[in-house]
Amino acid sequence: MKTLTCATRGGELAIAQTQTVCSMLKKIHPGLQIDIKTITTTGDQDRRTALWTLKDTGFFTSQLEDALLAQQADFAVHSFKDLPTEYQKGLTIAAVCRRQFPQDSVIAAGPVTSIDQLPSDAKIGTSSLRRAAQLRYLRPDLHPADIRGNVLTRIKRLEEGKFDAIVLARAGLERLNLSDKISFCFDPAQFIPAPAQGALAIQTRADDTDTCNLIAAIDDQDNRTTTSAERRILTTMHCGCHAPVGAYAQIDGNEIEITAFISNVDGTNFIRRQITGPAVDAETLAEKIANDLLTAGGKKILASLEG
């Protein structure tokens, strides 16, 4: 069995995710050797710029893709939600791993078990307009405030008293064995996650057939279907991954249910839609719900964000 080189970001969460993927591959392909190559991305270098102000895509992924194209690595492990919806020419997603935790979670300074129990006028740390809009929609008195840095840095800032609570993806906390820090988790059908949140995407060169075949062994077809549908909403709406847009898809038997929303930043114009149909029609259903959101006022919201 040949040796493969895997590109990954160098943070603790990225390394943990990469090790999970490597363990899955080695279990299926005994004798496979994998060297891990850590790469610093633009997003890792810039810890101060608010994510929602960014116009460029690939903030956390471009350097990994460059390493693949330069044949400095054979595959890369990404948080799927970070990948631009337009893939680099010459690259492909060889596998989407099974995701267990798509939802957002809250770590609070005090003992709370729901958003209703957060203190009045609480300051909530988040780097996401999507989360901020939903927080304001559910609790107009809350004050979302920008927070950057890795998971441990954000938790430290909470513990230092700079926030009353922070919102983080549950998947990251679980992968870092920090689930005991969670105060409560949102229902992803109600507090809608980022498209493909919680999923890991393994990217390879499209012409590297041997590596593609090796990686494909850990592909989860249902999760590929749901995450592709969620990401198709972004593509159809022509909005970046930092817009206040969320999408969540679930497969039950042969049916898929997709829930999505778009909102203005303060949550006062919150537009939510849901659609159910055959899972084989997931992409078509995703396009329909995206167009419904645009027609219902999403176009104006996106135009205001551009302005």
C-alpha atoms as a PDB file:
ATOM      1  CA  MET A   1       0.000   0.000   0.000  1.00  0.00           C
ATOM      2  CA  LYS A   2       1.428   3.388  -0.969  1.00  0.00           C
ATOM      3  CA  THR A   3       2.026   6.392   1.265  1.00  0.00           C
ATOM      4  CA  LEU A   4      -0.257   9.408   0.892  1.00  0.00           C
ATOM      5  CA  THR A   5       0.306  12.972   2.041  1.00  0.00           C
ATOM      6  CA  CYS A   6      -2.662  14.764   3.612  1.00  0.00           C
ATOM      7  CA  ALA A   7      -2.862  18.572   3.742  1.00  0.00           C
ATOM      8  CA  THR A   8      -4.610  20.186   6.675  1.00  0.00           C
ATOM      9  CA  ARG A   9      -4.749  23.420   8.595  1.00  0.00           C
ATOM     10  CA  GLY A  10      -2.564  23.409  11.675  1.00  0.00           C
ATOM     11  CA  GLY A  11      -5.122  24.235  14.385  1.00  0.00           C
ATOM     12  CA  GLU A  12      -6.136  21.728  17.032  1.00  0.00           C
ATOM     13  CA  LEU A  13      -9.575  21.167  15.537  1.00  0.00           C
ATOM     14  CA  ALA A  14      -8.250  20.742  11.994  1.00  0.00           C
ATOM     15  CA  ILE A  15      -5.648  18.230  13.212  1.00  0.00           C
ATOM     16  CA  ALA A  16      -8.281  16.311  15.206  1.00  0.00           C
ATOM     17  CA  GLN A  17     -10.546  16.153  12.161  1.00  0.00           C
ATOM     18  CA  THR A  18      -7.695  15.024   9.941  1.00  0.00           C
ATOM     19  CA  GLN A  19      -6.680  12.305  12.374  1.00  0.00           C
ATOM     20  CA  THR A  20     -10.271  11.058  12.405  1.00  0.00           C
ATOM     21  CA  VAL A  21     -10.283  10.804   8.615  1.00  0.00           C
ATOM     22  CA  CYS A  22      -6.868   9.122   8.542  1.00  0.00           C
ATOM     23  CA  SER A  23      -8.015   6.555  11.119  1.00  0.00           C
ATOM     24  CA  MET A  24     -11.092   5.770   9.012  1.00  0.00           C
ATOM     25  CA  LEU A  25      -8.952   5.273   5.910  1.00  0.00           C
ATOM     26  CA  LYS A  26      -6.386   3.104   7.674  1.00  0.00           C
ATOM     27  CA  LYS A  27      -9.130   0.916   9.120  1.00  0.00           C
ATOM     28  CA  ILE A  28     -10.472   0.216   5.641  1.00  0.00           C
ATOM     29  CA  HIS A  29      -7.030   0.051   3.976  1.00  0.00           C
ATOM     30  CA  PRO A  30      -4.679  -1.821   6.358  1.00  0.00           C
ATOM     31  CA  GLY A  31      -1.061  -0.904   5.709  1.00  0.00           C
ATOM     32  CA  LEU A  32      -1.873   2.514   4.271  1.00  0.00           C
ATOM     33  CA  GLN A  33       0.657   5.132   5.376  1.00  0.00           C
ATOM     34  CA  ILE A  34      -0.394   8.777   5.671  1.00  0.00           C
ATOM     35  CA  ASP A  35       1.923  11.724   6.251  1.00  0.00           C
ATOM     36  CA  ILE A  36       0.215  14.876   7.548  1.00  0.00           C
ATOM     37  CA  LYS A  37       1.334  18.213   6.093  1.00  0.00           C
ATOM     38  CA  THR A  38       0.120  21.258   8.030  1.00  0.00           C
ATOM     39  CA  ILE A  39      -0.461  24.465   6.098  1.00  0.00           C
ATOM     40  CA  THR A  40      -1.240  27.957   7.380  1.00  0.00           C
ATOM     41  CA  THR A  41      -4.202  29.497   5.573  1.00  0.00           C
ATOM     42  CA  THR A  42      -5.135  33.150   5.197  1.00  0.00           C
ATOM     43  CA  GLY A  43      -7.832  32.630   7.818  1.00  0.00           C
ATOM     44  CA  ASP A  44      -5.282  31.270  10.279  1.00  0.00           C
ATOM     45  CA  GLN A  45      -2.990  34.247   9.715  1.00  0.00           C
ATOM     46  CA  ASP A  46      -5.728  36.865  10.048  1.00  0.00           C
ATOM     47  CA  ARG A  47      -7.479  36.421  13.402  1.00  0.00           C
ATOM     48  CA  ARG A  48      -8.824  39.988  13.604  1.00  0.00           C
ATOM     49  CA  THR A  49     -10.951  40.628  10.505  1.00  0.00           C
ATOM     50  CA  ALA A  50     -14.662  39.942  11.040  1.00  0.00           C
ATOM     51  CA  LEU A  51     -15.576  37.035   8.769  1.00  0.00           C
ATOM     52  CA  TRP A  52     -18.719  38.694   7.459  1.00  0.00           C
ATOM     53  CA  THR A  53     -16.692  41.589   6.019  1.00  0.00           C
ATOM     54  CA  LEU A  54     -14.722  39.280   3.719  1.00  0.00           C
ATOM     55  CA  LYS A  55     -15.375  39.428   0.000  1.00  0.00           C
ATOM     56  CA  ASP A  56     -12.884  36.762  -1.065  1.00  0.00           C
ATOM     57  CA  THR A  57     -13.685  33.047  -0.871  1.00  0.00           C
ATOM     58  CA  GLY A  58     -11.477  30.217   0.315  1.00  0.00           C
ATOM     59  CA  PHE A  59     -10.327  32.098   3.421  1.00  0.00           C
ATOM     60  CA  PHE A  60      -9.634  28.773   5.185  1.00  0.00           C
ATOM     61  CA  THR A  61      -9.109  26.503   2.198  1.00  0.00           C
ATOM     62  CA  SER A  62      -7.242  28.102  -0.731  1.00  0.00           C
ATOM     63  CA  GLN A  63      -3.739  27.262   0.463  1.00  0.00           C
ATOM     64  CA  LEU A  64      -4.700  23.605   0.947  1.00  0.00           C
ATOM     65  CA  GLU A  65      -6.088  23.497  -2.585  1.00  0.00           C
ATOM     66  CA  ASP A  66      -2.895  25.092  -3.907  1.00  0.00           C
ATOM     67  CA  ALA A  67      -0.880  22.324  -2.246  1.00  0.00           C
ATOM     68  CA  LEU A  68      -3.009  19.684  -3.978  1.00  0.00           C
ATOM     69  CA  LEU A  69      -2.648  21.315  -7.379  1.00  0.00           C
ATOM     70  CA  ALA A  70       1.125  21.624  -6.867  1.00  0.00           C
ATOM     71  CA  GLN A  71       1.223  17.895  -5.981  1.00  0.00           C
ATOM     72  CA  GLN A  72       2.612  18.695  -2.554  1.00  0.00           C
ATOM     73  CA  ALA A  73      -0.242  16.643  -1.067  1.00  0.00           C
ATOM     74  CA  ASP A  74      -2.511  13.852  -2.284  1.00  0.00           C
ATOM     75  CA  PHE A  75      -5.645  14.827  -0.401  1.00  0.00           C
ATOM     76  CA  ALA A  76      -6.901  17.522   1.954  1.00  0.00           C
ATOM     77  CA  VAL A  77      -9.394  17.425   4.804  1.00  0.00           C
ATOM     78  CA  HIS A  78     -11.767  20.390   5.020  1.00  0.00           C
ATOM     79  CA  SER A  79     -14.646  21.466   7.187  1.00  0.00           C
ATOM     80  CA  PHE A  80     -17.114  21.251   4.316  1.00  0.00           C
ATOM     81  CA  LYS A  81     -18.860  24.499   5.267  1.00  0.00           C
ATOM     82  CA  ASP A  82     -15.604  26.407   4.668  1.00  0.00           C
ATOM     83  CA  LEU A  83     -15.180  25.289   1.066  1.00  0.00           C
ATOM     84  CA  PRO A  84     -16.360  27.747  -1.601  1.00  0.00           C
ATOM     85  CA  THR A  85     -19.319  26.465  -3.604  1.00  0.00           C
ATOM     86  CA  GLU A  86     -17.245  26.859  -6.784  1.00  0.00           C
ATOM     87  CA  TYR A  87     -14.499  24.248  -6.678  1.00  0.00           C
ATOM     88  CA  GLN A  88     -10.992  24.800  -7.950  1.00  0.00           C
ATOM     89  CA  LYS A  89     -10.575  23.444 -11.478  1.00  0.00           C
ATOM     90  CA  GLY A  90      -8.783  20.107 -11.395  1.00  0.00           C
ATOM     91  CA  LEU A  91      -9.997  19.188  -7.891  1.00  0.00           C
ATOM     92  CA  THR A  92     -12.889  17.039  -6.713  1.00  0.00           C
ATOM     93  CA  ILE A  93     -14.585  15.950  -3.488  1.00  0.00           C
ATOM     94  CA  ALA A  94     -13.727  12.270  -3.266  1.00  0.00           C
ATOM     95  CA  ALA A  95     -15.659  11.705  -0.047  1.00  0.00           C
ATOM     96  CA  VAL A  96     -18.050  13.369   2.359  1.00  0.00           C
ATOM     97  CA  CYS A  97     -17.764  11.708   5.749  1.00  0.00           C
ATOM     98  CA  ARG A  98     -20.805  10.846   7.811  1.00  0.00           C
ATOM     99  CA  ARG A  99     -21.716  13.804  10.025  1.00  0.00           C
ATOM    100  CA  GLN A 100     -23.206  13.349  13.466  1.00  0.00           C
ATOM    101  CA  PHE A 101     -23.452  16.860  14.839  1.00  0.00           C
ATOM    102  CA  PRO A 102     -24.741  19.516  12.402  1.00  0.00           C
ATOM    103  CA  GLN A 103     -26.233  21.744  15.089  1.00  0.00           C
ATOM    104  CA  ASP A 104     -25.001  24.896  16.795  1.00  0.00           C
ATOM    105  CA  SER A 105     -24.356  24.895  20.525  1.00  0.00           C
ATOM    106  CA  VAL A 106     -24.096  27.516  23.247  1.00  0.00           C
ATOM    107  CA  ILE A 107     -21.494  27.723  25.985  1.00  0.00           C
ATOM    108  CA  ALA A 108     -22.742  30.141  28.624  1.00  0.00           C
ATOM    109  CA  ALA A 109     -21.038  31.764  31.593  1.00  0.00           C
ATOM    110  CA  GLY A 110     -23.906  30.735  33.860  1.00  0.00           C
ATOM    111  CA  PRO A 111     -26.148  27.666  34.155  1.00  0.00           C
ATOM    112  CA  VAL A 112     -28.659  27.822  31.296  1.00  0.00           C
ATOM    113  CA  THR A 113     -30.395  25.110  29.274  1.00  0.00           C
ATOM    114  CA  SER A 114     -32.119  27.172  26.574  1.00  0.00           C
ATOM    115  CA  ILE A 115     -31.896  30.504  24.784  1.00  0.00           C
ATOM    116  CA  ASP A 116     -34.794  31.768  26.901  1.00  0.00           C
ATOM    117  CA  GLN A 117     -32.653  31.465  30.038  1.00  0.00           C
ATOM    118  CA  LEU A 118     -29.816  33.682  28.788  1.00  0.00           C
ATOM    119  CA  PRO A 119     -29.629  36.951  30.752  1.00  0.00           C
ATOM    120  CA  SER A 120     -31.437  39.998  29.422  1.00  0.00           C
ATOM    121  CA  ASP A 121     -29.223  42.033  27.052  1.00  0.00           C
ATOM    122  CA  ALA A 122     -26.603  39.274  27.102  1.00  0.00           C
ATOM    123  CA  LYS A 123     -23.480  39.731  24.957  1.00  0.00           C
ATOM    124  CA  ILE A 124     -23.073  36.686  22.705  1.00  0.00           C
ATOM    125  CA  GLY A 125     -19.802  35.947  20.924  1.00  0.00           C
ATOM    126  CA  THR A 126     -20.085  34.751  17.335  1.00  0.00           C
ATOM    127  CA  SER A 127     -18.204  35.270  14.070  1.00  0.00           C
ATOM    128  CA  SER A 128     -21.286  34.414  11.980  1.00  0.00           C
ATOM    129  CA  LEU A 129     -23.972  36.719  10.586  1.00  0.00           C
ATOM    130  CA  ARG A 130     -26.166  33.639  10.231  1.00  0.00           C
ATOM    131  CA  ARG A 131     -25.989  32.948  13.947  1.00  0.00           C
ATOM    132  CA  ALA A 132     -26.310  36.626  14.855  1.00  0.00           C
ATOM    133  CA  ALA A 133     -29.467  37.050  12.761  1.00  0.00           C
ATOM    134  CA  GLN A 134     -31.124  34.002  14.322  1.00  0.00           C
ATOM    135  CA  LEU A 135     -30.170  35.060  17.831  1.00  0.00           C
ATOM    136  CA  ARG A 136     -31.720  38.494  17.260  1.00  0.00           C
ATOM    137  CA  TYR A 137     -34.806  36.946  15.668  1.00  0.00           C
ATOM    138  CA  LEU A 138     -35.371  34.680  18.682  1.00  0.00           C
ATOM    139  CA  ARG A 139     -34.277  37.216  21.328  1.00  0.00           C
ATOM    140  CA  PRO A 140     -34.180  40.823  20.059  1.00  0.00           C
ATOM    141  CA  ASP A 141     -32.590  41.938  23.342  1.00  0.00           C
ATOM    142  CA  LEU A 142     -29.452  39.855  22.804  1.00  0.00           C
ATOM    143  CA  HIS A 143     -26.261  41.528  21.560  1.00  0.00           C
ATOM    144  CA  PRO A 144     -24.221  39.355  19.190  1.00  0.00           C
ATOM    145  CA  ALA A 145     -20.606  40.555  19.059  1.00  0.00           C
ATOM    146  CA  ASP A 146     -17.718  39.532  16.842  1.00  0.00           C
ATOM    147  CA  ILE A 147     -15.308  36.953  18.190  1.00  0.00           C
ATOM    148  CA  ARG A 148     -12.382  35.357  16.327  1.00  0.00           C
ATOM    149  CA  GLY A 149      -9.800  32.744  17.182  1.00  0.00           C
ATOM    150  CA  ASN A 150      -9.824  28.987  17.582  1.00  0.00           C
ATOM    151  CA  VAL A 151     -12.239  27.116  19.835  1.00  0.00           C
ATOM    152  CA  LEU A 152     -10.052  27.221  22.931  1.00  0.00           C
ATOM    153  CA  THR A 153      -9.340  30.936  22.465  1.00  0.00           C
ATOM    154  CA  ARG A 154     -13.064  31.679  22.287  1.00  0.00           C
ATOM    155  CA  ILE A 155     -13.791  29.638  25.394  1.00  0.00           C
ATOM    156  CA  LYS A 156     -11.002  31.458  27.228  1.00  0.00           C
ATOM    157  CA  ARG A 157     -12.485  34.842  26.300  1.00  0.00           C
ATOM    158  CA  LEU A 158     -15.830  33.681  27.686  1.00  0.00           C
ATOM    159  CA  GLU A 159     -14.174  32.533  30.904  1.00  0.00           C
ATOM    160  CA  GLU A 160     -12.449  35.915  31.166  1.00  0.00           C
ATOM    161  CA  GLY A 161     -15.884  37.548  31.323  1.00  0.00           C
ATOM    162  CA  LYS A 162     -15.794  39.229  27.922  1.00  0.00           C
ATOM    163  CA  PHE A 163     -19.038  37.523  26.858  1.00  0.00           C
ATOM    164  CA  ASP A 164     -22.102  36.107  28.561  1.00  0.00           C
ATOM    165  CA  ALA A 165     -22.160  33.216  26.092  1.00  0.00           C
ATOM    166  CA  ILE A 166     -20.612  32.066  22.819  1.00  0.00           C
ATOM    167  CA  VAL A 167     -22.090  30.065  19.950  1.00  0.00           C
ATOM    168  CA  LEU A 168     -19.998  27.311  18.369  1.00  0.00           C
ATOM    169  CA  ALA A 169     -20.604  24.327  16.118  1.00  0.00           C
ATOM    170  CA  ARG A 170     -21.259  21.247  18.215  1.00  0.00           C
ATOM    171  CA  ALA A 171     -19.168  19.104  15.846  1.00  0.00           C
ATOM    172  CA  GLY A 172     -15.976  20.973  16.687  1.00  0.00           C
ATOM    173  CA  LEU A 173     -16.530  20.708  20.426  1.00  0.00           C
ATOM    174  CA  GLU A 174     -17.246  16.989  20.149  1.00  0.00           C
ATOM    175  CA  ARG A 175     -14.101  16.391  18.076  1.00  0.00           C
ATOM    176  CA  LEU A 176     -12.003  18.256  20.655  1.00  0.00           C
ATOM    177  CA  ASN A 177     -13.598  16.318  23.533  1.00  0.00           C
ATOM    178  CA  LEU A 178     -15.078  19.542  24.898  1.00  0.00           C
ATOM    179  CA  SER A 179     -18.732  18.516  24.856  1.00  0.00           C
ATOM    180  CA  ASP A 180     -18.854  18.889  28.647  1.00  0.00           C
ATOM    181  CA  LYS A 181     -18.540  22.652  28.105  1.00  0.00           C
ATOM    182  CA  ILE A 182     -21.847  22.821  26.199  1.00  0.00           C
ATOM    183  CA  SER A 183     -24.727  24.495  28.001  1.00  0.00           C
ATOM    184  CA  PHE A 184     -27.301  23.501  25.391  1.00  0.00           C
ATOM    185  CA  CYS A 185     -27.634  22.657  21.707  1.00  0.00           C
ATOM    186  CA  PHE A 186     -30.120  24.124  19.266  1.00  0.00           C
ATOM    187  CA  ASP A 187     -32.473  21.969  17.216  1.00  0.00           C
ATOM    188  CA  PRO A 188     -30.940  22.280  13.709  1.00  0.00           C
ATOM    189  CA  ALA A 189     -34.411  22.377  12.152  1.00  0.00           C
ATOM    190  CA  GLN A 190     -35.187  25.487  14.245  1.00  0.00           C
ATOM    191  CA  PHE A 191     -31.825  27.280  14.607  1.00  0.00           C
ATOM    192  CA  ILE A 192     -30.605  26.489  11.128  1.00  0.00           C
ATOM    193  CA  PRO A 193     -26.913  25.634  10.636  1.00  0.00           C
ATOM    194  CA  ALA A 194     -24.560  26.715   7.878  1.00  0.00           C
ATOM    195  CA  PRO A 195     -24.809  24.555   4.761  1.00  0.00           C
ATOM    196  CA  ALA A 196     -22.743  21.379   5.293  1.00  0.00           C
ATOM    197  CA  GLN A 197     -21.932  22.301   8.906  1.00  0.00           C
ATOM    198  CA  GLY A 198     -20.448  19.359  10.776  1.00  0.00           C
ATOM    199  CA  ALA A 199     -19.460  17.486   7.619  1.00  0.00           C
ATOM    200  CA  LEU A 200     -15.889  16.742   6.585  1.00  0.00           C
ATOM    201  CA  ALA A 201     -15.013  16.867   2.885  1.00  0.00           C
ATOM    202  CA  ILE A 202     -11.970  15.079   1.519  1.00  0.00           C
ATOM    203  CA  GLN A 203     -10.606  16.778  -1.582  1.00  0.00           C
ATOM    204  CA  THR A 204      -8.294  15.246  -4.159  1.00  0.00           C
ATOM    205  CA  ARG A 205      -6.990  15.935  -7.635  1.00  0.00           C
ATOM    206  CA  ALA A 206      -9.659  14.859 -10.102  1.00  0.00           C
ATOM    207  CA  ASP A 207      -7.153  13.000 -12.285  1.00  0.00           C
ATOM    208  CA  ASP A 208      -5.610  11.039  -9.405  1.00  0.00           C
ATOM    209  CA  THR A 209      -7.797   7.971  -9.885  1.00  0.00           C
ATOM    210  CA  ASP A 210      -5.958   5.753  -7.399  1.00  0.00           C
ATOM    211  CA  THR A 211      -6.274   8.242  -4.530  1.00  0.00           C
ATOM    212  CA  CYS A 212      -9.886   9.050  -5.436  1.00  0.00           C
ATOM    213  CA  ASN A 213     -10.760   5.349  -5.236  1.00  0.00           C
ATOM    214  CA  LEU A 214      -9.019   4.944  -1.880  1.00  0.00           C
ATOM    215  CA  ILE A 215     -10.779   7.964  -0.397  1.00  0.00           C
ATOM    216  CA  ALA A 216     -14.183   7.029  -1.849  1.00  0.00           C
ATOM    217  CA  ALA A 217     -14.317   4.089   0.567  1.00  0.00           C
ATOM    218  CA  ILE A 218     -15.327   6.477   3.395  1.00  0.00           C
ATOM    219  CA  ASP A 219     -17.909   8.400   1.372  1.00  0.00           C
ATOM    220  CA  ASP A 220     -21.383   8.524   2.933  1.00  0.00           C
ATOM    221  CA  GLN A 221     -23.952   8.821   0.151  1.00  0.00           C
ATOM    222  CA  ASP A 222     -26.791  10.186   2.291  1.00  0.00           C
ATOM    223  CA  ASN A 223     -24.558  12.892   3.715  1.00  0.00           C
ATOM    224  CA  ARG A 224     -23.220  13.718   0.269  1.00  0.00           C
ATOM    225  CA  THR A 225     -26.839  14.165  -0.851  1.00  0.00           C
ATOM    226  CA  THR A 226     -27.889  16.350   2.083  1.00  0.00           C
ATOM    227  CA  THR A 227     -24.779  18.545   2.106  1.00  0.00           C
ATOM    228  CA  SER A 228     -24.896  18.970  -1.663  1.00  0.00           C
ATOM    229  CA  ALA A 229     -28.513  20.104  -1.377  1.00  0.00           C
ATOM    230  CA  GLU A 230     -27.634  22.560   1.384  1.00  0.00           C
ATOM    231  CA  ARG A 231     -24.745  24.001  -0.613  1.00  0.00           C
ATOM    232  CA  ARG A 232     -26.872  24.200  -3.762  1.00  0.00           C
ATOM    233  CA  ILE A 233     -29.000  26.768  -1.916  1.00  0.00           C
ATOM    234  CA  LEU A 234     -25.960  29.041  -1.599  1.00  0.00           C
ATOM    235  CA  THR A 235     -25.097  28.521  -5.252  1.00  0.00           C
ATOM    236  CA  THR A 236     -28.616  29.264  -6.447  1.00  0.00           C
ATOM    237  CA  MET A 237     -28.909  32.376  -4.297  1.00  0.00           C
ATOM    238  CA  HIS A 238     -25.458  33.623  -5.413  1.00  0.00           C
ATOM    239  CA  CYS A 239     -24.499  34.481  -1.853  1.00  0.00           C
ATOM    240  CA  GLY A 240     -21.258  33.789  -0.052  1.00  0.00           C
ATOM    241  CA  CYS A 241     -20.830  31.446   2.882  1.00  0.00           C
ATOM    242  CA  HIS A 242     -20.772  34.410   5.287  1.00  0.00           C
ATOM    243  CA  ALA A 243     -24.254  35.729   4.372  1.00  0.00           C
ATOM    244  CA  PRO A 244     -27.075  35.339   6.948  1.00  0.00           C
ATOM    245  CA  VAL A 245     -28.316  32.200   5.206  1.00  0.00           C
ATOM    246  CA  GLY A 246     -28.755  28.745   6.682  1.00  0.00           C
ATOM    247  CA  ALA A 247     -29.799  25.377   5.292  1.00  0.00           C
ATOM    248  CA  TYR A 248     -30.409  21.972   6.806  1.00  0.00           C
ATOM    249  CA  ALA A 249     -31.455  18.768   5.030  1.00  0.00           C
ATOM    250  CA  GLN A 250     -32.477  15.412   6.470  1.00  0.00           C
ATOM    251  CA  ILE A 251     -33.169  12.120   4.719  1.00  0.00           C
ATOM    252  CA  ASP A 252     -35.891   9.824   6.032  1.00  0.00           C
ATOM    253  CA  GLY A 253     -36.218   6.703   3.921  1.00  0.00           C
ATOM    254  CA  ASN A 254     -36.593   7.862   0.340  1.00  0.00           C
ATOM    255  CA  GLU A 255     -37.650  11.398   1.291  1.00  0.00           C
ATOM    256  CA  ILE A 256     -35.568  14.487   1.966  1.00  0.00           C
ATOM    257  CA  GLU A 257     -36.706  17.487   3.986  1.00  0.00           C
ATOM    258  CA  ILE A 258     -34.873  20.775   3.472  1.00  0.00           C
ATOM    259  CA  THR A 259     -35.239  23.792   5.743  1.00  0.00           C
ATOM    260  CA  ALA A 260     -33.595  27.101   4.861  1.00  0.00           C
ATOM    261  CA  PHE A 261     -33.715  30.780   5.765  1.00  0.00           C
ATOM    262  CA  ILE A 262     -32.372  34.176   4.871  1.00  0.00           C
ATOM    263  CA  SER A 263     -32.568  37.226   7.111  1.00  0.00           C
ATOM    264  CA  ASN A 264     -31.393  40.755   7.407  1.00  0.00           C
ATOM    265  CA  VAL A 265     -28.651  41.221   9.970  1.00  0.00           C
ATOM    266  CA  ASP A 266     -30.876  42.376  12.833  1.00  0.00           C
ATOM    267  CA  GLY A 267     -33.337  39.494  12.401  1.00  0.00           C
ATOM    268  CA  THR A 268     -36.358  41.716  11.772  1.00  0.00           C
ATOM    269  CA  ASN A 269     -36.934  40.390   8.253  1.00  0.00           C
ATOM    270  CA  PHE A 270     -36.597  36.657   8.779  1.00  0.00           C
ATOM    271  CA  ILE A 271     -37.706  34.483   5.848  1.00  0.00           C
ATOM    272  CA  ARG A 272     -37.907  30.710   6.400  1.00  0.00           C
ATOM    273  CA  ARG A 273     -39.036  27.973   4.041  1.00  0.00           C
ATOM    274  CA  GLN A 274     -39.292  24.167   4.153  1.00  0.00           C
ATOM    275  CA  ILE A 275     -39.759  21.620   1.403  1.00  0.00           C
ATOM    276  CA  THR A 276     -40.090  17.825   1.275  1.00  0.00           C
ATOM    277  CA  GLY A 277     -39.770  15.474  -1.677  1.00  0.00           C
ATOM    278  CA  PRO A 278     -37.925  12.473  -3.097  1.00  0.00           C
ATOM    279  CA  ALA A 279     -34.266  12.330  -2.073  1.00  0.00           C
ATOM    280  CA  VAL A 280     -33.307  11.644  -5.685  1.00  0.00           C
ATOM    281  CA  ASP A 281     -34.611  15.145  -6.473  1.00  0.00           C
ATOM    282  CA  ALA A 282     -32.576  16.828  -3.713  1.00  0.00           C
ATOM    283  CA  GLU A 283     -30.780  19.296  -5.985  1.00  0.00           C
ATOM    284  CA  THR A 284     -34.008  20.356  -7.712  1.00  0.00           C
ATOM    285  CA  LEU A 285     -35.771  20.797  -4.372  1.00  0.00           C
ATOM    286  CA  ALA A 286     -32.837  22.865  -3.098  1.00  0.00           C
ATOM    287  CA  GLU A 287     -33.039  25.161  -6.108  1.00  0.00           C
ATOM    288  CA  LYS A 288     -36.788  25.575  -5.596  1.00  0.00           C
ATOM    289  CA  ILE A 289     -36.491  26.543  -1.937  1.00  0.00           C
ATOM    290  CA  ALA A 290     -33.638  28.934  -2.755  1.00  0.00           C
ATOM    291  CA  ASN A 291     -35.711  30.651  -5.437  1.00  0.00           C
ATOM    292  CA  ASP A 292     -38.662  30.843  -3.044  1.00  0.00           C
ATOM    293  CA  LEU A 293     -36.450  32.627  -0.511  1.00  0.00           C
ATOM    294  CA  LEU A 294     -35.196  35.059  -3.138  1.00  0.00           C
ATOM    295  CA  THR A 295     -38.716  35.855  -4.363  1.00  0.00           C
ATOM    296  CA  ALA A 296     -40.017  36.322  -0.819  1.00  0.00           C
ATOM    297  CA  GLY A 297     -37.524  39.111  -0.128  1.00  0.00           C
ATOM    298  CA  GLY A 298     -34.125  37.457  -0.193  1.00  0.00           C
ATOM    299  CA  LYS A 299     -33.011  39.429  -3.247  1.00  0.00           C
ATOM    300  CA  LYS A 300     -33.511  42.711  -1.386  1.00  0.00           C
ATOM    301  CA  ILE A 301     -31.678  41.407   1.648  1.00  0.00           C
ATOM    302  CA  LEU A 302     -28.678  40.312  -0.418  1.00  0.00           C
ATOM    303  CA  ALA A 303     -28.677  43.616  -2.307  1.00  0.00           C
ATOM    304  CA  SER A 304     -28.621  45.523   0.992  1.00  0.00           C
ATOM    305  CA  LEU A 305     -25.657  43.463   2.182  1.00  0.00           C
ATOM    306  CA  GLU A 306     -23.759  44.213  -1.003  1.00  0.00           C
ATOM    307  CA  GLY A 307     -24.433  47.913  -0.560  1.00  0.00           C
END
